[in-house]
Amino acid sequence: MTLPERWRSSGLEAKDRTDRALQADFSDPTRADNWGSVVVSPMIIEDLDGKSIKPQSVAEYAELLIAQVQKMENLQQRMAQALGKVVGQDTGEAALAGTRIVSRGPRNVCGRQAFEVITEADYMLYEVFIPRNDEVITVSFRTVKEDFPKYEEAFRKAIDSIKME
């Protein structure tokens, strides 16, 4: 994968299910907010009840992950509201703001049917889920919101440059 200009790899390679290859934006050495990763994992989702789910496609895998994050955020919001009532403080909606899916959908990566998700929170996250046998390769780029427009096209080009056997 060709990284965006002034981004570089830490030198780690995704060799097995637990290794990560990390990239970081070194255009501003004081900023650690912009980073990326490549993670290889089994294409299995464990739900909040501990039940393992084997998705039939990478799109289903990504949608299940999104659903899990939304469930966890809803639970966190309810817990914060309950705690606020116990201690007599309003938790405030801004403090409980979660993530928002900006876009999601299929895309082709190296001849494979992958799935792309762009998420907004107090940061922007660009993720692509690529199937490989019984695994999924997740390529992620995270930036502060104001940096995302300048990097989005470079992230897409990085994904387009992926070569797989």
Protein backbone atom coordinates (compact mmCIF):
# COMPACT_ATOMS: atom_id res chain seq x y z
CA MET A 1 0.00 0.00 0.00
CA THR A 2 1.29 3.43 -0.89
CA LEU A 3 0.79 5.78 2.07
CA PRO A 4 -0.34 9.40 1.76
CA GLU A 5 2.40 11.99 1.37
CA ARG A 6 4.41 12.52 4.60
CA TRP A 7 2.85 9.45 6.22
CA ARG A 8 5.18 6.57 6.99
CA SER A 9 4.98 3.08 8.39
CA SER A 10 6.25 2.06 11.79
CA GLY A 11 7.80 -0.98 10.12
CA LEU A 12 5.44 -3.49 11.74
CA GLU A 13 3.74 -5.88 9.37
CA ALA A 14 0.36 -7.54 9.75
CA LYS A 15 1.62 -11.15 9.88
CA ASP A 16 -1.11 -12.82 11.83
CA ARG A 17 -4.42 -12.13 13.51
CA THR A 18 -2.97 -9.98 16.28
CA ASP A 19 -0.25 -7.98 14.51
CA ARG A 20 -0.84 -4.48 13.25
CA ALA A 21 1.00 -2.43 10.69
CA LEU A 22 0.83 1.16 11.88
CA GLN A 23 1.15 4.34 9.88
CA ALA A 24 1.24 7.88 11.18
CA ASP A 25 1.08 11.40 9.79
CA PHE A 26 4.48 12.94 10.36
CA SER A 27 3.77 16.24 8.58
CA ASP A 28 3.34 17.80 12.05
CA PRO A 29 5.53 16.06 14.66
CA THR A 30 3.50 17.58 17.52
CA ARG A 31 0.27 15.93 16.32
CA ALA A 32 -0.42 12.31 17.24
CA ASP A 33 -4.11 12.50 16.31
CA ASN A 34 -3.68 11.36 12.70
CA TRP A 35 -2.84 7.68 12.35
CA GLY A 36 -3.72 4.54 10.49
CA SER A 37 -3.59 0.81 10.95
CA VAL A 38 -3.88 -2.48 9.14
CA VAL A 39 -5.39 -5.28 11.22
CA VAL A 40 -5.94 -8.89 10.15
CA SER A 41 -8.59 -10.76 12.12
CA PRO A 42 -10.95 -13.73 11.78
CA MET A 43 -14.23 -12.88 10.04
CA ILE A 44 -16.21 -13.57 13.21
CA ILE A 45 -18.13 -11.08 15.33
CA GLU A 46 -18.73 -11.67 19.01
CA ASP A 47 -21.89 -9.89 20.11
CA LEU A 48 -22.44 -8.24 23.48
CA ASP A 49 -23.89 -11.48 24.84
CA GLY A 50 -20.72 -13.38 23.94
CA LYS A 51 -22.32 -15.20 21.02
CA SER A 52 -20.06 -15.72 17.97
CA ILE A 53 -21.55 -14.75 14.61
CA LYS A 54 -20.00 -15.85 11.29
CA PRO A 55 -20.99 -13.27 8.67
CA GLN A 56 -21.55 -14.47 5.10
CA SER A 57 -19.86 -11.42 3.56
CA VAL A 58 -17.52 -8.59 4.45
CA ALA A 59 -20.48 -6.19 4.10
CA GLU A 60 -22.39 -8.16 6.75
CA TYR A 61 -19.25 -8.17 8.92
CA ALA A 62 -18.97 -4.36 8.71
CA GLU A 63 -22.70 -3.85 9.36
CA LEU A 64 -22.53 -6.12 12.43
CA LEU A 65 -19.55 -4.13 13.75
CA ILE A 66 -21.46 -0.87 13.23
CA ALA A 67 -24.48 -2.32 15.06
CA GLN A 68 -22.26 -3.44 17.97
CA VAL A 69 -20.72 0.03 18.30
CA GLN A 70 -24.17 1.62 18.26
CA LYS A 71 -25.40 -0.79 20.96
CA MET A 72 -22.37 -0.02 23.14
CA GLU A 73 -22.84 3.73 22.69
CA ASN A 74 -26.54 3.45 23.61
CA LEU A 75 -25.63 1.45 26.70
CA GLN A 76 -22.97 3.99 27.67
CA GLN A 77 -25.46 6.84 27.27
CA ARG A 78 -28.06 5.09 29.44
CA MET A 79 -25.43 4.34 32.10
CA ALA A 80 -24.25 7.98 32.11
CA GLN A 81 -27.83 9.22 32.41
CA ALA A 82 -28.54 6.81 35.27
CA LEU A 83 -25.34 7.83 37.05
CA GLY A 84 -26.24 11.49 36.54
CA LYS A 85 -29.58 10.89 38.27
CA VAL A 86 -27.88 9.12 41.18
CA VAL A 87 -25.39 11.93 41.78
CA GLY A 88 -27.85 14.67 40.86
CA GLN A 89 -26.04 15.98 37.81
CA ASP A 90 -27.21 16.33 34.24
CA THR A 91 -24.89 14.39 31.92
CA GLY A 92 -25.64 16.75 29.03
CA GLU A 93 -26.23 15.59 25.48
CA ALA A 94 -22.93 17.00 24.17
CA ALA A 95 -20.95 14.87 26.59
CA LEU A 96 -22.82 11.78 25.39
CA ALA A 97 -22.47 12.41 21.66
CA GLY A 98 -21.50 9.23 19.86
CA THR A 99 -20.37 8.40 16.39
CA ARG A 100 -22.20 9.14 13.17
CA ILE A 101 -21.85 7.12 9.99
CA VAL A 102 -21.14 9.61 7.20
CA SER A 103 -21.14 6.99 4.45
CA ARG A 104 -20.87 3.26 3.99
CA GLY A 105 -21.03 0.90 1.09
CA PRO A 106 -19.28 -1.61 -1.13
CA ARG A 107 -16.07 -0.88 -3.02
CA ASN A 108 -13.62 -2.95 -5.01
CA VAL A 109 -10.12 -3.50 -3.62
CA CYS A 110 -7.68 -5.54 -5.66
CA GLY A 111 -10.52 -7.43 -7.34
CA ARG A 112 -12.24 -8.23 -4.04
CA GLN A 113 -15.65 -7.02 -2.89
CA ALA A 114 -14.70 -4.86 0.11
CA PHE A 115 -16.76 -2.52 2.29
CA GLU A 116 -15.98 1.12 3.11
CA VAL A 117 -17.17 3.10 6.15
CA ILE A 118 -16.55 6.76 7.01
CA THR A 119 -17.39 7.66 10.60
CA GLU A 120 -17.52 11.03 12.35
CA ALA A 121 -17.11 11.59 16.08
CA ASP A 122 -14.71 14.13 17.57
CA TYR A 123 -12.47 12.74 14.79
CA MET A 124 -12.98 11.23 11.32
CA LEU A 125 -12.36 7.55 10.65
CA TYR A 126 -12.01 6.04 7.17
CA GLU A 127 -12.13 2.22 7.22
CA VAL A 128 -12.10 -0.39 4.52
CA PHE A 129 -12.85 -4.04 5.28
CA ILE A 130 -11.27 -6.45 2.77
CA PRO A 131 -12.09 -10.19 2.78
CA ARG A 132 -9.26 -12.73 2.58
CA ASN A 133 -10.21 -16.38 3.00
CA ASP A 134 -11.80 -16.67 6.48
CA GLU A 135 -10.26 -13.38 7.58
CA VAL A 136 -10.90 -9.69 7.16
CA ILE A 137 -8.20 -7.09 6.68
CA THR A 138 -9.26 -3.78 8.16
CA VAL A 139 -7.40 -0.74 6.87
CA SER A 140 -8.13 2.38 8.93
CA PHE A 141 -7.11 6.01 8.73
CA ARG A 142 -8.05 8.40 11.56
CA THR A 143 -7.68 12.17 11.46
CA VAL A 144 -8.89 15.20 13.32
CA LYS A 145 -11.99 16.56 11.60
CA GLU A 146 -10.30 19.57 10.05
CA ASP A 147 -7.61 17.38 8.42
CA PHE A 148 -9.98 14.86 6.83
CA PRO A 149 -10.83 16.86 3.67
CA LYS A 150 -7.14 17.27 2.82
CA TYR A 151 -6.42 13.54 3.30
CA GLU A 152 -9.57 11.78 2.06
CA GLU A 153 -8.45 11.49 -1.56
CA ALA A 154 -4.98 10.30 -0.43
CA PHE A 155 -6.62 7.64 1.76
CA ARG A 156 -8.65 6.41 -1.22
CA LYS A 157 -5.51 6.29 -3.37
CA ALA A 158 -3.72 4.34 -0.63
CA ILE A 159 -6.54 1.78 -0.62
CA ASP A 160 -6.46 1.64 -4.45
CA SER A 161 -2.72 0.87 -4.30
CA ILE A 162 -3.20 -2.30 -2.21
CA LYS A 163 -1.89 -5.44 -3.86
CA MET A 164 -2.85 -8.90 -2.63
CA GLU A 165 -2.01 -12.40 -3.78
